Amino acid sequence: MNTATTEKVTALDAYDLATYAHEHGKWLGALMRSITLDAKHNEGRNVAVLAGLGQYLGDDLSGYMDCEAERIKRVEGLQ
């Protein structure tokens, strides 16, 4: 019995990727504004923690998008 499934890339997949990237972009923008305001009004007391969060969000976005790009390349037979 063949248990392999046929994987497809759908318009919904593309929409999900776009909304995921859009949300991360909004979060990173808000975070950078928070860092700027903290440096200006709070003597930068939270800058290191906020920057760590930004690094996490950026790394998460990069890793997820890389995996999805590889999946799409594989599924669609792209080189």
PDB file of N, CA and C in Angstrom:
ATOM      1  N   MET A   1       0.834  -1.169   0.000  1.00  0.00           N
ATOM      2  CA  MET A   1       0.000   0.000   0.000  1.00  0.00           C
ATOM      3  C   MET A   1       0.889   1.247   0.000  1.00  0.00           C
ATOM      4  N   ASN A   2       0.582   2.167  -0.856  1.00  0.00           N
ATOM      5  CA  ASN A   2       1.336   3.405  -0.962  1.00  0.00           C
ATOM      6  C   ASN A   2       0.732   4.433  -0.007  1.00  0.00           C
ATOM      7  N   THR A   3       1.531   4.886   0.957  1.00  0.00           N
ATOM      8  CA  THR A   3       1.030   5.862   1.936  1.00  0.00           C
ATOM      9  C   THR A   3       1.500   7.274   1.627  1.00  0.00           C
ATOM     10  N   ALA A   4       2.195   7.455   0.477  1.00  0.00           N
ATOM     11  CA  ALA A   4       2.672   8.785   0.104  1.00  0.00           C
ATOM     12  C   ALA A   4       1.486   9.687  -0.223  1.00  0.00           C
ATOM     13  N   THR A   5       1.619  10.934   0.162  1.00  0.00           N
ATOM     14  CA  THR A   5       0.567  11.893  -0.156  1.00  0.00           C
ATOM     15  C   THR A   5       1.085  12.850  -1.218  1.00  0.00           C
ATOM     16  N   THR A   6       0.188  13.374  -1.990  1.00  0.00           N
ATOM     17  CA  THR A   6       0.550  14.357  -2.992  1.00  0.00           C
ATOM     18  C   THR A   6       0.435  15.733  -2.362  1.00  0.00           C
ATOM     19  N   GLU A   7       1.565  16.414  -2.283  1.00  0.00           N
ATOM     20  CA  GLU A   7       1.601  17.744  -1.682  1.00  0.00           C
ATOM     21  C   GLU A   7       1.426  18.781  -2.783  1.00  0.00           C
ATOM     22  N   LYS A   8       0.643  19.804  -2.505  1.00  0.00           N
ATOM     23  CA  LYS A   8       0.408  20.869  -3.465  1.00  0.00           C
ATOM     24  C   LYS A   8       0.682  22.208  -2.818  1.00  0.00           C
ATOM     25  N   VAL A   9       1.011  23.177  -3.635  1.00  0.00           N
ATOM     26  CA  VAL A   9       1.114  24.559  -3.188  1.00  0.00           C
ATOM     27  C   VAL A   9      -0.125  25.256  -3.721  1.00  0.00           C
ATOM     28  N   THR A  10      -0.881  25.857  -2.821  1.00  0.00           N
ATOM     29  CA  THR A  10      -2.144  26.467  -3.199  1.00  0.00           C
ATOM     30  C   THR A  10      -2.093  27.985  -3.028  1.00  0.00           C
ATOM     31  N   ALA A  11      -3.117  28.628  -3.537  1.00  0.00           N
ATOM     32  CA  ALA A  11      -3.247  30.072  -3.331  1.00  0.00           C
ATOM     33  C   ALA A  11      -3.359  30.377  -1.841  1.00  0.00           C
ATOM     34  N   LEU A  12      -3.984  29.486  -1.096  1.00  0.00           N
ATOM     35  CA  LEU A  12      -4.098  29.682   0.349  1.00  0.00           C
ATOM     36  C   LEU A  12      -2.719  29.651   1.010  1.00  0.00           C
ATOM     37  N   ASP A  13      -1.831  28.764   0.537  1.00  0.00           N
ATOM     38  CA  ASP A  13      -0.457  28.746   1.050  1.00  0.00           C
ATOM     39  C   ASP A  13       0.217  30.098   0.817  1.00  0.00           C
ATOM     40  N   ALA A  14       0.065  30.634  -0.385  1.00  0.00           N
ATOM     41  CA  ALA A  14       0.678  31.922  -0.718  1.00  0.00           C
ATOM     42  C   ALA A  14       0.099  33.030   0.158  1.00  0.00           C
ATOM     43  N   TYR A  15      -1.201  33.004   0.340  1.00  0.00           N
ATOM     44  CA  TYR A  15      -1.853  33.999   1.199  1.00  0.00           C
ATOM     45  C   TYR A  15      -1.342  33.896   2.636  1.00  0.00           C
ATOM     46  N   ASP A  16      -1.238  32.677   3.150  1.00  0.00           N
ATOM     47  CA  ASP A  16      -0.732  32.480   4.515  1.00  0.00           C
ATOM     48  C   ASP A  16       0.681  33.016   4.667  1.00  0.00           C
ATOM     49  N   LEU A  17       1.538  32.753   3.681  1.00  0.00           N
ATOM     50  CA  LEU A  17       2.910  33.254   3.733  1.00  0.00           C
ATOM     51  C   LEU A  17       2.939  34.780   3.731  1.00  0.00           C
ATOM     52  N   ALA A  18       2.120  35.382   2.881  1.00  0.00           N
ATOM     53  CA  ALA A  18       2.100  36.838   2.797  1.00  0.00           C
ATOM     54  C   ALA A  18       1.606  37.458   4.103  1.00  0.00           C
ATOM     55  N   THR A  19       0.558  36.889   4.687  1.00  0.00           N
ATOM     56  CA  THR A  19       0.035  37.459   5.934  1.00  0.00           C
ATOM     57  C   THR A  19       1.001  37.213   7.095  1.00  0.00           C
ATOM     58  N   TYR A  20       1.676  36.073   7.101  1.00  0.00           N
ATOM     59  CA  TYR A  20       2.687  35.785   8.128  1.00  0.00           C
ATOM     60  C   TYR A  20       3.811  36.817   8.059  1.00  0.00           C
ATOM     61  N   ALA A  21       4.322  37.065   6.854  1.00  0.00           N
ATOM     62  CA  ALA A  21       5.407  38.036   6.687  1.00  0.00           C
ATOM     63  C   ALA A  21       4.926  39.441   7.039  1.00  0.00           C
ATOM     64  N   HIS A  22       3.700  39.777   6.659  1.00  0.00           N
ATOM     65  CA  HIS A  22       3.136  41.089   6.966  1.00  0.00           C
ATOM     66  C   HIS A  22       3.036  41.298   8.484  1.00  0.00           C
ATOM     67  N   GLU A  23       2.539  40.317   9.197  1.00  0.00           N
ATOM     68  CA  GLU A  23       2.421  40.428  10.657  1.00  0.00           C
ATOM     69  C   GLU A  23       3.782  40.588  11.308  1.00  0.00           C
ATOM     70  N   HIS A  24       4.750  39.781  10.880  1.00  0.00           N
ATOM     71  CA  HIS A  24       6.089  39.905  11.448  1.00  0.00           C
ATOM     72  C   HIS A  24       6.672  41.292  11.155  1.00  0.00           C
ATOM     73  N   GLY A  25       6.425  41.805   9.959  1.00  0.00           N
ATOM     74  CA  GLY A  25       6.902  43.141   9.613  1.00  0.00           C
ATOM     75  C   GLY A  25       6.304  44.205  10.520  1.00  0.00           C
ATOM     76  N   LYS A  26       5.001  44.099  10.799  1.00  0.00           N
ATOM     77  CA  LYS A  26       4.356  45.045  11.720  1.00  0.00           C
ATOM     78  C   LYS A  26       4.954  44.944  13.108  1.00  0.00           C
ATOM     79  N   TRP A  27       5.176  43.706  13.585  1.00  0.00           N
ATOM     80  CA  TRP A  27       5.756  43.521  14.917  1.00  0.00           C
ATOM     81  C   TRP A  27       7.161  44.117  14.992  1.00  0.00           C
ATOM     82  N   LEU A  28       7.965  43.860  13.964  1.00  0.00           N
ATOM     83  CA  LEU A  28       9.331  44.375  13.972  1.00  0.00           C
ATOM     84  C   LEU A  28       9.345  45.898  13.902  1.00  0.00           C
ATOM     85  N   GLY A  29       8.450  46.483  13.121  1.00  0.00           N
ATOM     86  CA  GLY A  29       8.356  47.942  13.064  1.00  0.00           C
ATOM     87  C   GLY A  29       7.990  48.536  14.413  1.00  0.00           C
ATOM     88  N   ALA A  30       6.996  47.950  15.074  1.00  0.00           N
ATOM     89  CA  ALA A  30       6.596  48.428  16.397  1.00  0.00           C
ATOM     90  C   ALA A  30       7.729  48.259  17.403  1.00  0.00           C
ATOM     91  N   LEU A  31       8.443  47.178  17.300  1.00  0.00           N
ATOM     92  CA  LEU A  31       9.555  46.919  18.202  1.00  0.00           C
ATOM     93  C   LEU A  31      10.671  47.950  18.012  1.00  0.00           C
ATOM     94  N   MET A  32      10.978  48.267  16.775  1.00  0.00           N
ATOM     95  CA  MET A  32      12.029  49.256  16.519  1.00  0.00           C
ATOM     96  C   MET A  32      11.613  50.638  17.037  1.00  0.00           C
ATOM     97  N   ARG A  33      10.324  50.977  16.890  1.00  0.00           N
ATOM     98  CA  ARG A  33       9.842  52.241  17.460  1.00  0.00           C
ATOM     99  C   ARG A  33       9.967  52.220  18.981  1.00  0.00           C
ATOM    100  N   SER A  34       9.688  51.073  19.592  1.00  0.00           N
ATOM    101  CA  SER A  34       9.820  50.945  21.046  1.00  0.00           C
ATOM    102  C   SER A  34      11.261  51.120  21.491  1.00  0.00           C
ATOM    103  N   ILE A  35      12.183  50.567  20.727  1.00  0.00           N
ATOM    104  CA  ILE A  35      13.605  50.711  21.064  1.00  0.00           C
ATOM    105  C   ILE A  35      14.003  52.182  20.972  1.00  0.00           C
ATOM    106  N   THR A  36      13.564  52.859  19.912  1.00  0.00           N
ATOM    107  CA  THR A  36      13.882  54.276  19.739  1.00  0.00           C
ATOM    108  C   THR A  36      13.326  55.104  20.896  1.00  0.00           C
ATOM    109  N   LEU A  37      12.079  54.849  21.262  1.00  0.00           N
ATOM    110  CA  LEU A  37      11.463  55.596  22.366  1.00  0.00           C
ATOM    111  C   LEU A  37      12.116  55.276  23.706  1.00  0.00           C
ATOM    112  N   ASP A  38      12.493  54.011  23.913  1.00  0.00           N
ATOM    113  CA  ASP A  38      13.148  53.641  25.159  1.00  0.00           C
ATOM    114  C   ASP A  38      14.501  54.341  25.271  1.00  0.00           C
ATOM    115  N   ALA A  39      15.228  54.398  24.183  1.00  0.00           N
ATOM    116  CA  ALA A  39      16.532  55.072  24.202  1.00  0.00           C
ATOM    117  C   ALA A  39      16.367  56.564  24.474  1.00  0.00           C
ATOM    118  N   LYS A  40      15.306  57.153  23.934  1.00  0.00           N
ATOM    119  CA  LYS A  40      15.088  58.589  24.087  1.00  0.00           C
ATOM    120  C   LYS A  40      14.527  58.963  25.459  1.00  0.00           C
ATOM    121  N   HIS A  41      13.579  58.185  25.961  1.00  0.00           N
ATOM    122  CA  HIS A  41      12.844  58.583  27.164  1.00  0.00           C
ATOM    123  C   HIS A  41      13.149  57.749  28.414  1.00  0.00           C
ATOM    124  N   ASN A  42      13.849  56.644  28.267  1.00  0.00           N
ATOM    125  CA  ASN A  42      14.051  55.749  29.410  1.00  0.00           C
ATOM    126  C   ASN A  42      15.528  55.383  29.578  1.00  0.00           C
ATOM    127  N   GLU A  43      16.394  56.209  29.005  1.00  0.00           N
ATOM    128  CA  GLU A  43      17.839  55.998  29.095  1.00  0.00           C
ATOM    129  C   GLU A  43      18.256  54.631  28.567  1.00  0.00           C
ATOM    130  N   GLY A  44      17.469  54.052  27.706  1.00  0.00           N
ATOM    131  CA  GLY A  44      17.817  52.782  27.076  1.00  0.00           C
ATOM    132  C   GLY A  44      17.814  51.581  28.004  1.00  0.00           C
ATOM    133  N   ARG A  45      17.082  51.648  29.091  1.00  0.00           N
ATOM    134  CA  ARG A  45      17.087  50.556  30.069  1.00  0.00           C
ATOM    135  C   ARG A  45      16.594  49.226  29.494  1.00  0.00           C
ATOM    136  N   ASN A  46      15.716  49.300  28.505  1.00  0.00           N
ATOM    137  CA  ASN A  46      15.148  48.070  27.949  1.00  0.00           C
ATOM    138  C   ASN A  46      15.656  47.731  26.553  1.00  0.00           C
ATOM    139  N   VAL A  47      16.618  48.488  26.067  1.00  0.00           N
ATOM    140  CA  VAL A  47      17.082  48.315  24.700  1.00  0.00           C
ATOM    141  C   VAL A  47      17.603  46.903  24.438  1.00  0.00           C
ATOM    142  N   ALA A  48      18.404  46.355  25.318  1.00  0.00           N
ATOM    143  CA  ALA A  48      18.987  45.031  25.087  1.00  0.00           C
ATOM    144  C   ALA A  48      17.903  43.950  25.015  1.00  0.00           C
ATOM    145  N   VAL A  49      16.933  44.025  25.912  1.00  0.00           N
ATOM    146  CA  VAL A  49      15.850  43.029  25.915  1.00  0.00           C
ATOM    147  C   VAL A  49      14.997  43.171  24.662  1.00  0.00           C
ATOM    148  N   LEU A  50      14.659  44.395  24.293  1.00  0.00           N
ATOM    149  CA  LEU A  50      13.861  44.625  23.097  1.00  0.00           C
ATOM    150  C   LEU A  50      14.605  44.186  21.839  1.00  0.00           C
ATOM    151  N   ALA A  51      15.906  44.471  21.787  1.00  0.00           N
ATOM    152  CA  ALA A  51      16.702  44.050  20.637  1.00  0.00           C
ATOM    153  C   ALA A  51      16.771  42.520  20.553  1.00  0.00           C
ATOM    154  N   GLY A  52      16.839  41.846  21.683  1.00  0.00           N
ATOM    155  CA  GLY A  52      16.819  40.386  21.692  1.00  0.00           C
ATOM    156  C   GLY A  52      15.514  39.845  21.127  1.00  0.00           C
ATOM    157  N   LEU A  53      14.416  40.494  21.478  1.00  0.00           N
ATOM    158  CA  LEU A  53      13.121  40.104  20.929  1.00  0.00           C
ATOM    159  C   LEU A  53      13.096  40.316  19.418  1.00  0.00           C
ATOM    160  N   GLY A  54      13.646  41.433  18.972  1.00  0.00           N
ATOM    161  CA  GLY A  54      13.720  41.703  17.536  1.00  0.00           C
ATOM    162  C   GLY A  54      14.535  40.656  16.808  1.00  0.00           C
ATOM    163  N   GLN A  55      15.639  40.237  17.416  1.00  0.00           N
ATOM    164  CA  GLN A  55      16.467  39.198  16.803  1.00  0.00           C
ATOM    165  C   GLN A  55      15.690  37.890  16.708  1.00  0.00           C
ATOM    166  N   TYR A  56      14.958  37.548  17.751  1.00  0.00           N
ATOM    167  CA  TYR A  56      14.148  36.328  17.737  1.00  0.00           C
ATOM    168  C   TYR A  56      13.105  36.384  16.618  1.00  0.00           C
ATOM    169  N   LEU A  57      12.377  37.508  16.533  1.00  0.00           N
ATOM    170  CA  LEU A  57      11.346  37.640  15.504  1.00  0.00           C
ATOM    171  C   LEU A  57      11.947  37.582  14.101  1.00  0.00           C
ATOM    172  N   GLY A  58      13.068  38.260  13.903  1.00  0.00           N
ATOM    173  CA  GLY A  58      13.732  38.231  12.602  1.00  0.00           C
ATOM    174  C   GLY A  58      14.216  36.850  12.237  1.00  0.00           C
ATOM    175  N   ASP A  59      14.825  36.153  13.186  1.00  0.00           N
ATOM    176  CA  ASP A  59      15.307  34.793  12.939  1.00  0.00           C
ATOM    177  C   ASP A  59      14.156  33.844  12.667  1.00  0.00           C
ATOM    178  N   ASP A  60      13.054  34.000  13.407  1.00  0.00           N
ATOM    179  CA  ASP A  60      11.874  33.155  13.208  1.00  0.00           C
ATOM    180  C   ASP A  60      11.302  33.358  11.810  1.00  0.00           C
ATOM    181  N   LEU A  61      11.164  34.604  11.406  1.00  0.00           N
ATOM    182  CA  LEU A  61      10.644  34.912  10.078  1.00  0.00           C
ATOM    183  C   LEU A  61      11.558  34.348   9.000  1.00  0.00           C
ATOM    184  N   SER A  62      12.838  34.560   9.150  1.00  0.00           N
ATOM    185  CA  SER A  62      13.803  34.076   8.164  1.00  0.00           C
ATOM    186  C   SER A  62      13.780  32.554   8.046  1.00  0.00           C
ATOM    187  N   GLY A  63      13.770  31.872   9.180  1.00  0.00           N
ATOM    188  CA  GLY A  63      13.749  30.411   9.164  1.00  0.00           C
ATOM    189  C   GLY A  63      12.482  29.855   8.553  1.00  0.00           C
ATOM    190  N   TYR A  64      11.349  30.415   8.916  1.00  0.00           N
ATOM    191  CA  TYR A  64      10.070  29.936   8.388  1.00  0.00           C
ATOM    192  C   TYR A  64       9.977  30.163   6.887  1.00  0.00           C
ATOM    193  N   MET A  65      10.344  31.365   6.446  1.00  0.00           N
ATOM    194  CA  MET A  65      10.265  31.673   5.022  1.00  0.00           C
ATOM    195  C   MET A  65      11.250  30.822   4.223  1.00  0.00           C
ATOM    196  N   ASP A  66      12.422  30.532   4.779  1.00  0.00           N
ATOM    197  CA  ASP A  66      13.389  29.670   4.102  1.00  0.00           C
ATOM    198  C   ASP A  66      12.825  28.264   3.931  1.00  0.00           C
ATOM    199  N   CYS A  67      12.223  27.737   4.985  1.00  0.00           N
ATOM    200  CA  CYS A  67      11.617  26.396   4.908  1.00  0.00           C
ATOM    201  C   CYS A  67      10.485  26.360   3.885  1.00  0.00           C
ATOM    202  N   GLU A  68       9.660  27.384   3.880  1.00  0.00           N
ATOM    203  CA  GLU A  68       8.551  27.436   2.930  1.00  0.00           C
ATOM    204  C   GLU A  68       9.051  27.582   1.500  1.00  0.00           C
ATOM    205  N   ALA A  69      10.091  28.371   1.292  1.00  0.00           N
ATOM    206  CA  ALA A  69      10.659  28.510  -0.051  1.00  0.00           C
ATOM    207  C   ALA A  69      11.199  27.168  -0.546  1.00  0.00           C
ATOM    208  N   GLU A  70      11.873  26.436   0.325  1.00  0.00           N
ATOM    209  CA  GLU A  70      12.383  25.114  -0.048  1.00  0.00           C
ATOM    210  C   GLU A  70      11.245  24.142  -0.344  1.00  0.00           C
ATOM    211  N   ARG A  71      10.184  24.213   0.454  1.00  0.00           N
ATOM    212  CA  ARG A  71       9.035  23.340   0.229  1.00  0.00           C
ATOM    213  C   ARG A  71       8.381  23.645  -1.117  1.00  0.00           C
ATOM    214  N   ILE A  72       8.198  24.908  -1.409  1.00  0.00           N
ATOM    215  CA  ILE A  72       7.584  25.293  -2.680  1.00  0.00           C
ATOM    216  C   ILE A  72       8.467  24.867  -3.840  1.00  0.00           C
ATOM    217  N   LYS A  73       9.764  25.071  -3.703  1.00  0.00           N
ATOM    218  CA  LYS A  73      10.705  24.661  -4.754  1.00  0.00           C
ATOM    219  C   LYS A  73      10.615  23.165  -5.007  1.00  0.00           C
ATOM    220  N   ARG A  74      10.532  22.382  -3.926  1.00  0.00           N
ATOM    221  CA  ARG A  74      10.444  20.926  -4.051  1.00  0.00           C
ATOM    222  C   ARG A  74       9.126  20.501  -4.678  1.00  0.00           C
ATOM    223  N   VAL A  75       8.044  21.033  -4.157  1.00  0.00           N
ATOM    224  CA  VAL A  75       6.711  20.640  -4.615  1.00  0.00           C
ATOM    225  C   VAL A  75       6.503  21.031  -6.084  1.00  0.00           C
ATOM    226  N   GLU A  76       6.967  22.200  -6.454  1.00  0.00           N
ATOM    227  CA  GLU A  76       6.746  22.691  -7.813  1.00  0.00           C
ATOM    228  C   GLU A  76       7.850  22.265  -8.791  1.00  0.00           C
ATOM    229  N   GLY A  77       8.861  21.563  -8.286  1.00  0.00           N
ATOM    230  CA  GLY A  77       9.943  21.093  -9.142  1.00  0.00           C
ATOM    231  C   GLY A  77      10.806  22.209  -9.707  1.00  0.00           C
ATOM    232  N   LEU A  78      10.995  23.267  -8.935  1.00  0.00           N
ATOM    233  CA  LEU A  78      11.789  24.409  -9.379  1.00  0.00           C
ATOM    234  C   LEU A  78      13.269  24.166  -9.115  1.00  0.00           C
ATOM    235  N   GLN A  79      14.103  24.769  -9.900  1.00  0.00           N
ATOM    236  CA  GLN A  79      15.549  24.666  -9.690  1.00  0.00           C
ATOM    237  C   GLN A  79      16.073  25.993  -9.392  1.00  0.00           C
TER     238      GLN A  79
END
